[in-house]
Amino acid sequence: MLAELAGRVYSVEIIDELAQPQECPMRTHRFGRKIKLPATIAIKRQIIMLMALDEAKKAEAQLIEQSARRAVRTATDSSGRALS
């Protein structure tokens, strides 16, 4: 596609539309004042903490599920009848 465009003259707007979209930079100023942005390390730490909390919740849910299954198994004998 770009090879077809090489021999022709296009305006900057058309060429910009054909280029890959670029991410807009974060705003560092608002109302003339500088916005304090968190450090990369702080952002990484927060993500790691959230991931650890998710893992803990998953592990807790698995333990509850396993204990419920064990309770059902102990309440019934091998023939499937409930023990009284």
C-alpha atoms as a PDB file:
ATOM      1  CA  MET A   1       0.000   0.000   0.000  1.00  0.00           C
ATOM      2  CA  LEU A   2       2.804   2.400   0.859  1.00  0.00           C
ATOM      3  CA  ALA A   3       4.565   1.414  -2.350  1.00  0.00           C
ATOM      4  CA  GLU A   4       1.555   2.719  -4.287  1.00  0.00           C
ATOM      5  CA  LEU A   5       1.737   5.995  -2.363  1.00  0.00           C
ATOM      6  CA  ALA A   6       5.460   6.477  -2.996  1.00  0.00           C
ATOM      7  CA  GLY A   7       5.038   7.829  -6.524  1.00  0.00           C
ATOM      8  CA  ARG A   8       2.190  10.185  -5.687  1.00  0.00           C
ATOM      9  CA  VAL A   9       1.985  13.418  -3.724  1.00  0.00           C
ATOM     10  CA  TYR A  10      -0.483  13.425  -0.848  1.00  0.00           C
ATOM     11  CA  SER A  11      -1.346  15.916   1.808  1.00  0.00           C
ATOM     12  CA  VAL A  12      -0.099  15.366   5.355  1.00  0.00           C
ATOM     13  CA  GLU A  13      -3.629  14.566   6.603  1.00  0.00           C
ATOM     14  CA  ILE A  14      -4.040  11.586   4.269  1.00  0.00           C
ATOM     15  CA  ILE A  15      -0.615  10.196   5.128  1.00  0.00           C
ATOM     16  CA  ASP A  16      -1.339  10.597   8.857  1.00  0.00           C
ATOM     17  CA  GLU A  17      -4.601   8.670   8.454  1.00  0.00           C
ATOM     18  CA  LEU A  18      -2.748   5.784   6.809  1.00  0.00           C
ATOM     19  CA  ALA A  19      -0.060   5.632   9.491  1.00  0.00           C
ATOM     20  CA  GLN A  20      -0.389   3.474  12.574  1.00  0.00           C
ATOM     21  CA  PRO A  21      -2.410   5.117  15.352  1.00  0.00           C
ATOM     22  CA  GLN A  22      -0.210   6.490  18.101  1.00  0.00           C
ATOM     23  CA  GLU A  23      -1.056   6.711  21.769  1.00  0.00           C
ATOM     24  CA  CYS A  24      -1.629  10.212  23.091  1.00  0.00           C
ATOM     25  CA  PRO A  25       0.810  11.250  25.814  1.00  0.00           C
ATOM     26  CA  MET A  26      -0.511  11.761  29.343  1.00  0.00           C
ATOM     27  CA  ARG A  27      -1.425  15.275  30.304  1.00  0.00           C
ATOM     28  CA  THR A  28       1.138  16.681  32.683  1.00  0.00           C
ATOM     29  CA  HIS A  29      -0.459  20.091  33.230  1.00  0.00           C
ATOM     30  CA  ARG A  30      -3.977  21.144  34.107  1.00  0.00           C
ATOM     31  CA  PHE A  31      -5.097  24.735  34.479  1.00  0.00           C
ATOM     32  CA  GLY A  32      -1.458  25.821  34.245  1.00  0.00           C
ATOM     33  CA  ARG A  33      -0.380  23.640  37.182  1.00  0.00           C
ATOM     34  CA  LYS A  34       1.739  20.550  36.917  1.00  0.00           C
ATOM     35  CA  ILE A  35      -0.054  17.308  37.751  1.00  0.00           C
ATOM     36  CA  LYS A  36       1.931  15.053  40.066  1.00  0.00           C
ATOM     37  CA  LEU A  37       2.152  11.676  38.377  1.00  0.00           C
ATOM     38  CA  PRO A  38       2.986   8.483  40.276  1.00  0.00           C
ATOM     39  CA  ALA A  39       6.375   6.888  39.720  1.00  0.00           C
ATOM     40  CA  THR A  40       6.611   3.771  37.567  1.00  0.00           C
ATOM     41  CA  ILE A  41       7.693   1.738  40.587  1.00  0.00           C
ATOM     42  CA  ALA A  42       4.605   2.826  42.517  1.00  0.00           C
ATOM     43  CA  ILE A  43       2.362   1.818  39.619  1.00  0.00           C
ATOM     44  CA  LYS A  44       4.073  -1.584  39.320  1.00  0.00           C
ATOM     45  CA  ARG A  45       3.750  -2.156  43.074  1.00  0.00           C
ATOM     46  CA  GLN A  46       0.052  -1.341  42.989  1.00  0.00           C
ATOM     47  CA  ILE A  47      -0.510  -3.769  40.096  1.00  0.00           C
ATOM     48  CA  ILE A  48       1.436  -6.511  41.901  1.00  0.00           C
ATOM     49  CA  MET A  49      -0.577  -5.935  45.091  1.00  0.00           C
ATOM     50  CA  LEU A  50      -3.856  -6.196  43.173  1.00  0.00           C
ATOM     51  CA  MET A  51      -2.673  -9.390  41.474  1.00  0.00           C
ATOM     52  CA  ALA A  52      -1.724 -10.860  44.859  1.00  0.00           C
ATOM     53  CA  LEU A  53      -5.154 -10.010  46.279  1.00  0.00           C
ATOM     54  CA  ASP A  54      -6.827 -11.703  43.309  1.00  0.00           C
ATOM     55  CA  GLU A  55      -4.717 -14.828  43.811  1.00  0.00           C
ATOM     56  CA  ALA A  56      -5.576 -14.900  47.524  1.00  0.00           C
ATOM     57  CA  LYS A  57      -9.300 -14.636  46.738  1.00  0.00           C
ATOM     58  CA  LYS A  58      -9.032 -17.457  44.184  1.00  0.00           C
ATOM     59  CA  ALA A  59      -7.163 -19.675  46.654  1.00  0.00           C
ATOM     60  CA  GLU A  60      -9.737 -18.975  49.367  1.00  0.00           C
ATOM     61  CA  ALA A  61     -12.603 -19.822  46.995  1.00  0.00           C
ATOM     62  CA  GLN A  62     -10.898 -23.092  46.032  1.00  0.00           C
ATOM     63  CA  LEU A  63     -10.431 -24.058  49.689  1.00  0.00           C
ATOM     64  CA  ILE A  64     -14.097 -23.367  50.430  1.00  0.00           C
ATOM     65  CA  GLU A  65     -15.145 -25.426  47.421  1.00  0.00           C
ATOM     66  CA  GLN A  66     -12.874 -28.330  48.410  1.00  0.00           C
ATOM     67  CA  SER A  67     -14.138 -28.316  52.001  1.00  0.00           C
ATOM     68  CA  ALA A  68     -17.746 -28.346  50.738  1.00  0.00           C
ATOM     69  CA  ARG A  69     -16.966 -31.345  48.519  1.00  0.00           C
ATOM     70  CA  ARG A  70     -15.331 -33.170  51.434  1.00  0.00           C
ATOM     71  CA  ALA A  71     -18.379 -32.507  53.609  1.00  0.00           C
ATOM     72  CA  VAL A  72     -20.662 -33.996  50.949  1.00  0.00           C
ATOM     73  CA  ARG A  73     -18.405 -37.039  50.558  1.00  0.00           C
ATOM     74  CA  THR A  74     -18.298 -37.750  54.311  1.00  0.00           C
ATOM     75  CA  ALA A  75     -22.080 -37.326  54.595  1.00  0.00           C
ATOM     76  CA  THR A  76     -22.697 -40.094  52.054  1.00  0.00           C
ATOM     77  CA  ASP A  77     -21.354 -43.633  52.030  1.00  0.00           C
ATOM     78  CA  SER A  78     -20.022 -45.503  48.996  1.00  0.00           C
ATOM     79  CA  SER A  79     -23.506 -46.614  47.844  1.00  0.00           C
ATOM     80  CA  GLY A  80     -24.686 -43.041  47.646  1.00  0.00           C
ATOM     81  CA  ARG A  81     -27.044 -43.211  50.623  1.00  0.00           C
ATOM     82  CA  ALA A  82     -26.900 -40.478  53.176  1.00  0.00           C
ATOM     83  CA  LEU A  83     -25.510 -41.433  56.583  1.00  0.00           C
ATOM     84  CA  SER A  84     -27.696 -40.600  59.545  1.00  0.00           C
END
